[in-house]
Protein backbone atom coordinates (compact mmCIF):
# COMPACT_ATOMS: atom_id res chain seq x y z
CA MET A 1 17.04 -1.46 -8.31
CA ALA A 2 16.93 1.75 -6.35
CA ARG A 3 18.98 1.79 -3.19
CA ALA A 4 19.43 4.47 -0.58
CA PRO A 5 22.84 6.08 -0.95
CA ALA A 6 25.31 5.36 1.81
CA SER A 7 24.83 7.84 4.60
CA GLY A 8 27.66 9.80 6.12
CA SER A 9 30.15 8.87 3.35
CA ARG A 10 33.65 10.29 3.85
CA SER A 11 36.25 11.11 1.24
CA SER A 12 39.07 10.93 3.81
CA PRO A 13 39.30 9.31 7.26
CA ARG A 14 40.97 12.47 8.64
CA PRO A 15 39.61 15.77 7.30
CA ALA A 16 42.26 18.37 6.83
CA ARG A 17 40.41 20.87 9.00
CA ALA A 18 37.03 21.31 10.66
CA ASP A 19 35.70 24.39 12.36
CA ALA A 20 35.27 23.77 16.11
CA ALA A 21 31.81 25.33 16.17
CA THR A 22 30.41 23.27 13.30
CA LYS A 23 32.11 19.90 13.85
CA PRO A 24 29.79 18.65 16.66
CA ALA A 25 26.70 19.71 14.72
CA ALA A 26 27.96 17.98 11.58
CA ALA A 27 28.69 14.78 13.50
CA LYS A 28 25.23 14.87 15.10
CA ALA A 29 23.60 15.37 11.69
CA ALA A 30 25.54 12.47 10.20
CA THR A 31 24.48 10.19 13.05
CA ALA A 32 20.82 11.18 12.69
CA LYS A 33 21.00 10.56 8.94
CA ALA A 34 22.47 7.10 9.46
CA LYS A 35 19.64 6.17 11.86
CA ALA A 36 16.85 7.70 9.79
CA PRO A 37 14.40 5.32 8.05
CA LEU A 38 14.29 5.10 4.29
CA THR A 39 12.55 8.12 2.79
CA ALA A 40 11.58 9.05 -0.72
CA ALA A 41 14.28 11.72 -0.67
CA ALA A 42 16.86 9.00 -0.05
CA SER A 43 16.27 7.56 -3.53
CA PRO A 44 19.02 8.57 -6.00
CA VAL A 45 16.36 9.79 -8.44
CA ARG A 46 13.08 11.41 -7.41
CA PHE A 47 10.04 10.35 -9.41
CA THR A 48 8.78 13.22 -11.54
CA GLY A 49 6.61 11.30 -13.99
CA PHE A 50 7.18 9.31 -17.15
CA ALA A 51 7.99 11.24 -20.31
CA LYS A 52 4.94 12.11 -22.40
CA ASP A 53 6.39 10.33 -25.42
CA ALA A 54 7.58 7.27 -23.45
CA ALA A 55 4.90 4.99 -24.94
CA ARG A 56 6.48 5.52 -28.36
CA PHE A 57 9.28 3.16 -27.33
CA PHE A 58 6.87 0.26 -26.79
CA HIS A 59 4.96 0.99 -30.00
CA GLU A 60 8.19 0.78 -31.95
CA LEU A 61 9.29 -2.32 -30.04
CA ALA A 62 5.97 -4.00 -30.84
CA ALA A 63 6.50 -3.27 -34.53
CA GLU A 64 10.11 -4.46 -34.62
CA MET A 65 10.35 -7.25 -32.00
CA SER A 66 13.95 -8.04 -32.79
CA ARG A 67 17.02 -8.44 -30.63
CA GLU A 68 18.96 -6.11 -32.88
CA TRP A 69 16.42 -3.30 -32.52
CA PHE A 70 16.14 -3.66 -28.75
CA THR A 71 19.91 -3.75 -28.27
CA ALA A 72 20.25 -0.56 -30.26
CA HIS A 73 17.52 1.14 -28.19
CA LYS A 74 18.21 -0.38 -24.77
CA ALA A 75 19.56 2.90 -23.37
CA GLU A 76 16.29 4.57 -24.39
CA TYR A 77 14.32 1.91 -22.52
CA GLU A 78 16.46 2.41 -19.43
CA ALA A 79 16.01 6.19 -19.49
CA LEU A 80 12.30 6.29 -20.37
CA TRP A 81 11.07 3.40 -18.24
CA VAL A 82 13.53 1.66 -15.93
CA THR A 83 14.91 4.75 -14.18
CA PRO A 84 11.54 6.43 -13.45
CA MET A 85 9.87 3.11 -12.56
CA THR A 86 12.64 2.37 -10.07
CA ALA A 87 12.21 5.80 -8.48
CA LEU A 88 8.42 5.43 -8.43
CA LEU A 89 8.46 2.06 -6.68
CA ALA A 90 10.98 3.30 -4.12
CA GLU A 91 8.73 6.26 -3.27
CA VAL A 92 5.58 4.12 -3.06
CA ARG A 93 7.35 1.62 -0.81
CA VAL A 94 8.15 4.38 1.66
CA GLY A 95 4.55 5.62 1.53
CA LEU A 96 3.16 2.17 2.32
CA THR A 97 5.44 1.47 5.30
CA THR A 98 2.90 2.64 7.88
CA ALA A 99 0.07 0.59 6.34
CA TYR A 100 2.27 -2.50 6.72
CA ARG A 101 3.61 -1.75 10.17
CA GLY A 102 5.07 -4.94 11.62
CA LEU A 103 5.49 -6.53 8.19
CA PRO A 104 8.67 -5.91 6.19
CA LEU A 105 8.30 -4.56 2.68
CA ALA A 106 10.98 -5.97 0.41
CA ALA A 107 13.06 -3.74 -1.84
CA PRO A 108 11.16 -3.07 -5.09
CA LYS A 109 11.80 -5.50 -7.91
CA LEU A 110 11.57 -4.86 -11.65
CA PHE A 111 10.76 -7.71 -13.99
CA ARG A 112 12.83 -8.48 -17.06
CA ILE A 113 11.49 -7.15 -20.33
CA HIS A 114 12.34 -10.46 -21.99
CA ARG A 115 9.47 -12.93 -22.17
CA ASP A 116 9.95 -16.56 -21.18
CA VAL A 117 8.99 -18.27 -24.43
CA ARG A 118 10.29 -21.76 -23.68
CA PHE A 119 6.84 -23.32 -23.35
CA ALA A 120 4.73 -20.57 -24.93
CA LYS A 121 2.96 -20.71 -28.27
CA ASP A 122 3.55 -16.97 -28.61
CA LYS A 123 7.29 -16.60 -29.25
CA THR A 124 7.27 -12.80 -29.10
CA PRO A 125 10.59 -12.09 -27.36
CA TYR A 126 9.78 -8.85 -25.52
CA LYS A 127 7.04 -7.48 -23.30
CA THR A 128 5.42 -4.19 -24.28
CA HIS A 129 5.29 -2.88 -20.72
CA CYS A 130 7.59 -2.20 -17.79
CA ALA A 131 6.55 -4.05 -14.65
CA GLY A 132 7.61 -4.34 -11.04
CA LEU A 133 6.36 -5.12 -7.57
CA ILE A 134 6.83 -4.47 -3.87
CA ALA A 135 6.66 -7.80 -2.06
CA VAL A 136 5.56 -8.22 1.55
CA GLY A 137 8.41 -10.02 3.25
CA ASP A 138 11.51 -11.66 1.83
CA GLY A 139 10.07 -14.93 0.51
CA PRO A 140 8.80 -15.71 -3.00
CA VAL A 141 5.97 -13.33 -3.88
CA MET A 142 3.62 -16.27 -4.50
CA GLU A 143 4.03 -17.13 -0.83
CA THR A 144 4.14 -13.65 0.73
CA GLY A 145 1.94 -11.50 -1.50
CA ALA A 146 2.62 -8.01 -2.82
CA ALA A 147 1.84 -4.56 -1.49
CA LEU A 148 1.89 -3.44 -5.12
CA TYR A 149 1.94 -4.99 -8.57
CA LEU A 150 2.49 -2.41 -11.29
CA SER A 151 2.69 -2.63 -15.09
CA LEU A 152 2.94 0.44 -17.31
CA GLY A 153 3.29 0.71 -21.06
CA LEU A 154 0.94 -0.50 -23.77
CA GLU A 155 -0.77 -2.49 -20.99
CA GLU A 156 -1.47 -0.96 -17.58
CA TYR A 157 -2.27 -2.68 -14.31
CA ALA A 158 -1.97 -1.78 -10.64
CA GLY A 159 -3.03 -3.98 -7.76
CA ALA A 160 -2.05 -5.73 -4.54
CA GLY A 161 -2.45 -9.10 -2.87
CA PHE A 162 -1.88 -12.76 -3.70
CA TYR A 163 -2.26 -13.35 -7.42
CA GLY A 164 -2.48 -17.09 -6.89
CA PHE A 165 -2.36 -19.34 -3.85
CA THR A 166 -0.12 -22.37 -3.46
CA PRO A 167 -2.07 -25.60 -2.77
CA ASP A 168 -1.56 -25.41 1.01
CA GLN A 169 -2.45 -21.71 1.02
CA LEU A 170 -5.66 -22.49 -0.83
CA VAL A 171 -6.66 -24.93 1.91
CA ARG A 172 -6.06 -22.25 4.58
CA TRP A 173 -7.89 -19.61 2.50
CA ARG A 174 -11.04 -21.70 2.27
CA LYS A 175 -10.92 -22.62 5.94
CA ALA A 176 -10.54 -18.96 6.97
CA VAL A 177 -13.28 -17.79 4.57
CA VAL A 178 -15.72 -20.32 5.98
CA ALA A 179 -14.89 -19.57 9.63
CA ASP A 180 -17.24 -17.00 11.14
CA ARG A 181 -14.80 -14.54 12.72
CA SER A 182 -12.05 -14.53 10.10
CA GLY A 183 -14.60 -14.60 7.30
CA ARG A 184 -16.37 -11.52 8.63
CA GLU A 185 -13.02 -9.75 9.02
CA LEU A 186 -12.22 -10.43 5.38
CA THR A 187 -15.63 -9.23 4.25
CA ALA A 188 -15.14 -5.95 6.12
CA ALA A 189 -11.65 -5.44 4.68
CA LEU A 190 -12.89 -6.13 1.15
CA ALA A 191 -15.74 -3.67 1.60
CA GLY A 192 -13.26 -0.89 2.31
CA ALA A 193 -11.25 -1.73 -0.82
CA THR A 194 -14.23 -2.06 -3.14
CA ALA A 195 -15.61 1.24 -1.86
CA ALA A 196 -12.44 2.80 -3.29
CA GLY A 197 -13.17 1.27 -6.69
CA GLN A 198 -10.94 -1.77 -6.35
CA ALA A 199 -12.01 -5.15 -7.73
CA LEU A 200 -11.28 -8.60 -6.31
CA GLY A 201 -9.66 -11.02 -8.72
CA ALA A 202 -7.33 -14.00 -8.88
CA GLN A 203 -5.17 -15.96 -11.26
CA GLU A 204 -8.05 -18.41 -11.43
CA VAL A 205 -11.69 -18.15 -10.34
CA LEU A 206 -13.68 -21.38 -10.48
CA ALA A 207 -17.02 -21.52 -12.25
CA ARG A 208 -18.64 -23.02 -9.16
CA VAL A 209 -17.91 -23.68 -5.49
CA PRO A 210 -15.78 -26.82 -4.99
CA ARG A 211 -17.86 -29.93 -4.40
CA GLU A 212 -16.70 -30.45 -0.82
CA LEU A 213 -17.83 -26.95 0.22
CA ASP A 214 -21.29 -25.51 0.84
CA PRO A 215 -22.51 -23.71 -2.30
CA ASP A 216 -25.00 -21.79 -0.17
CA HIS A 217 -22.42 -20.44 2.25
CA PRO A 218 -22.80 -16.64 2.68
CA ARG A 219 -19.24 -16.21 1.36
CA ALA A 220 -19.53 -18.84 -1.38
CA GLU A 221 -18.32 -16.33 -4.00
CA LEU A 222 -14.97 -16.08 -2.24
CA LEU A 223 -14.65 -19.86 -2.10
CA ARG A 224 -14.38 -19.91 -5.90
CA HIS A 225 -11.24 -17.77 -5.84
CA LYS A 226 -7.81 -19.42 -6.00
CA GLY A 227 -6.07 -16.17 -5.17
CA CYS A 228 -6.89 -12.81 -3.62
CA VAL A 229 -5.64 -9.81 -5.54
CA LEU A 230 -7.24 -6.37 -5.61
CA GLY A 231 -7.08 -4.59 -8.93
CA PHE A 232 -6.94 -0.81 -8.56
CA PRO A 233 -9.18 1.38 -10.73
CA ALA A 234 -7.84 2.43 -14.12
CA ILE A 235 -5.04 4.94 -13.69
CA PRO A 236 -6.45 8.39 -14.50
CA ARG A 237 -5.55 9.59 -17.97
CA GLY A 238 -2.25 11.44 -18.06
CA LEU A 239 -1.39 10.73 -14.43
CA ILE A 240 1.65 8.59 -15.29
CA HIS A 241 3.34 11.75 -16.59
CA LYS A 242 3.05 13.49 -13.22
CA PRO A 243 4.69 13.08 -9.80
CA ASP A 244 1.18 12.66 -8.36
CA LEU A 245 1.12 9.07 -9.65
CA ALA A 246 3.11 8.03 -6.57
CA GLY A 247 0.48 9.49 -4.23
CA TRP A 248 -2.35 7.82 -6.16
CA LEU A 249 -0.66 4.41 -5.89
CA ILE A 250 0.09 4.93 -2.21
CA GLU A 251 -3.54 5.84 -1.50
CA HIS A 252 -4.86 2.72 -3.23
CA GLY A 253 -2.12 0.59 -1.70
CA GLN A 254 -3.24 1.74 1.73
CA ARG A 255 -6.86 0.86 0.92
CA ALA A 256 -5.79 -2.63 -0.16
CA ALA A 257 -3.46 -3.20 2.80
CA PRO A 258 -6.10 -4.58 5.25
CA VAL A 259 -6.93 -7.38 2.80
CA VAL A 260 -3.26 -8.19 2.14
CA ARG A 261 -2.59 -8.18 5.88
CA TRP A 262 -5.54 -10.51 6.43
CA CYS A 263 -4.05 -12.93 3.91
CA GLN A 264 -0.71 -12.66 5.67
CA ARG A 265 -2.32 -13.65 8.98
CA GLN A 266 -4.62 -16.35 7.68
CA VAL A 267 -3.07 -17.75 4.53
CA ALA A 268 0.66 -17.04 4.13
CA ALA A 269 3.46 -19.22 5.46
CA GLY A 270 3.41 -19.00 9.25
CA ALA A 271 -0.37 -18.54 9.38
CA PRO A 272 -2.44 -20.86 11.61
CA GLY A 273 -2.44 -24.32 10.09
CA ALA A 274 0.62 -23.69 7.91
CA VAL A 275 3.28 -26.38 7.91
CA GLY A 276 5.91 -25.27 10.39
CA ALA A 277 3.65 -22.67 11.99
CA PRO A 278 3.37 -22.63 15.78
CA GLY A 279 0.87 -25.26 16.81
CA ALA A 280 0.51 -26.66 13.31
CA GLY A 281 0.50 -30.37 12.75
CA GLY A 282 2.67 -32.20 10.25
CA ALA A 283 6.35 -32.16 9.54
CA ALA A 284 8.15 -28.88 9.07
């Protein structure tokens, strides 16, 4: 996980000698650095793009799929994928800060390459992509949503939002979709995202509107969704090998932000009607 290096580090508590003219300026600069917000330059490694032959690693992994092979090539995976992905997510997080003003963006998280095969029919031990996310807030991502989901490798995906709602979130989602004011706000936010080529999806979309809801409601389509995640357009060919990938993800993340923020207000923990929210009924 990328972390900003400690600012104003000192090799000795009492420097042997400091020029009188430069010492005040140096102290002032160190203080300013300590107070400065996280910036892309603060990341230990600057994102410059993934290597053009990086996909070869996943092709070979897919062919081998053995612990022995992966252990022998783990350093290659770290260098080709983990290091640049960590730098990329750190840079995108900084670029999305303004779009999420007032909401904390958690430190980027990378997912393990090992698949959880305990209850899966497919016992393939490794994923053939490198994936990570930038969560909104410090809670579980299923409860707080993500400013960015990103998978790169033999499979590619970029998006933002709530992949799937918890049962209580689903109740609040449907209530807010049906309500006139909040429903119109969501429609407007979605229009901005879809105009940028983004597509609304969810972990599950029902075949029809739930029985207890009006199938002729003007936003009936949204009532079938059990999540609210915006899939970004396909990443332009070759862009993952360039530093410009960070800017492309930031731009689409900013377009998706109004929808994610709407879900934060209306659906996430602490939203109106949530257990424990101000004015909400029920036990905390």
